[in-house]
Amino acid sequence: YLNETPLKALYLIATHGKPDVKSREKLSPELVDFLDRCLETDVEKRSSAEELLSHTFLTKAESLSTITPLIRAAKKILNKH
């Protein structure tokens, strides 16, 4: 529902359930589990913010500084075209 307004996205989630995650097979099991927990529509089943912040997907993540060289390289490539 990324292309929808926030209000319409809420309506769609309420009427049709959580959106499907595209290309799940390309994602790590940790990310899939994290997204499933974030997108859980049942309040009783949904993880708390504290639980999500301690999820394996986040605790195993590399520091953001490791992505900086990749961003610079991508920008260089884009500027050449």
Protein backbone atom coordinates (compact mmCIF):
# COMPACT_ATOMS: atom_id res chain seq x y z
CA TYR A 1 0.00 0.00 0.00
CA LEU A 2 3.01 2.29 -0.44
CA ASN A 3 1.37 4.18 -3.29
CA GLU A 4 -1.74 4.96 -1.25
CA THR A 5 -2.44 7.84 1.10
CA PRO A 6 -1.99 6.90 4.77
CA LEU A 7 -5.76 6.96 5.35
CA LYS A 8 -6.45 4.70 2.37
CA ALA A 9 -3.62 2.36 3.42
CA LEU A 10 -5.20 2.05 6.88
CA TYR A 11 -8.57 1.31 5.27
CA LEU A 12 -7.06 -1.33 2.98
CA ILE A 13 -5.26 -2.99 5.87
CA ALA A 14 -8.47 -3.01 7.93
CA THR A 15 -10.55 -4.46 5.10
CA HIS A 16 -8.04 -6.68 3.28
CA GLY A 17 -5.42 -7.46 5.91
CA LYS A 18 -1.72 -6.78 5.81
CA PRO A 19 -0.09 -6.34 2.41
CA ASP A 20 1.90 -9.17 0.90
CA VAL A 21 5.66 -8.75 0.96
CA LYS A 22 6.87 -9.14 -2.61
CA SER A 23 9.80 -11.44 -3.41
CA ARG A 24 9.86 -12.98 0.08
CA GLU A 25 12.16 -15.70 -1.23
CA LYS A 26 14.86 -13.08 -1.86
CA LEU A 27 14.77 -11.88 1.76
CA SER A 28 16.56 -13.37 4.74
CA PRO A 29 14.45 -15.44 7.14
CA GLU A 30 15.21 -12.84 9.84
CA LEU A 31 13.85 -9.98 7.71
CA VAL A 32 10.73 -11.95 6.76
CA ASP A 33 10.04 -12.70 10.42
CA PHE A 34 10.68 -9.05 11.39
CA LEU A 35 8.29 -7.78 8.70
CA ASP A 36 5.63 -10.31 9.68
CA ARG A 37 5.86 -9.13 13.28
CA CYS A 38 5.70 -5.45 12.25
CA LEU A 39 2.77 -5.97 9.90
CA GLU A 40 0.68 -8.10 12.27
CA THR A 41 -2.81 -6.57 12.31
CA ASP A 42 -3.96 -8.34 15.48
CA VAL A 43 -2.93 -6.11 18.39
CA GLU A 44 -2.75 -9.10 20.74
CA LYS A 45 -0.28 -10.91 18.46
CA ARG A 46 1.75 -7.89 17.31
CA SER A 47 5.21 -7.45 18.82
CA SER A 48 5.89 -4.43 20.99
CA ALA A 49 8.42 -1.79 19.98
CA GLU A 50 10.77 -3.15 22.64
CA GLU A 51 10.48 -6.67 21.20
CA LEU A 52 11.07 -5.41 17.67
CA LEU A 53 14.13 -3.41 18.70
CA SER A 54 15.66 -6.56 20.18
CA HIS A 55 14.74 -8.72 17.15
CA THR A 56 17.52 -10.76 15.54
CA PHE A 57 17.19 -8.83 12.28
CA LEU A 58 18.21 -5.61 14.04
CA THR A 59 20.69 -7.04 16.51
CA LYS A 60 22.64 -8.84 13.76
CA ALA A 61 22.61 -5.82 11.43
CA GLU A 62 25.85 -4.17 10.40
CA SER A 63 26.59 -0.61 11.41
CA LEU A 64 25.13 2.01 9.07
CA SER A 65 28.65 3.23 8.37
CA THR A 66 29.28 0.04 6.37
CA ILE A 67 26.77 1.15 3.74
CA THR A 68 28.36 4.58 3.15
CA PRO A 69 30.93 3.31 0.59
CA LEU A 70 28.15 1.51 -1.30
CA ILE A 71 26.06 4.69 -1.47
CA ARG A 72 29.04 6.71 -2.71
CA ALA A 73 29.82 4.09 -5.37
CA ALA A 74 26.20 4.04 -6.53
CA LYS A 75 26.10 7.85 -6.74
CA LYS A 76 29.31 7.82 -8.79
CA ILE A 77 27.80 5.34 -11.23
CA LEU A 78 24.58 7.35 -11.50
CA ASN A 79 26.48 10.58 -12.13
CA LYS A 80 28.34 8.97 -15.05
CA HIS A 81 25.07 8.18 -16.86
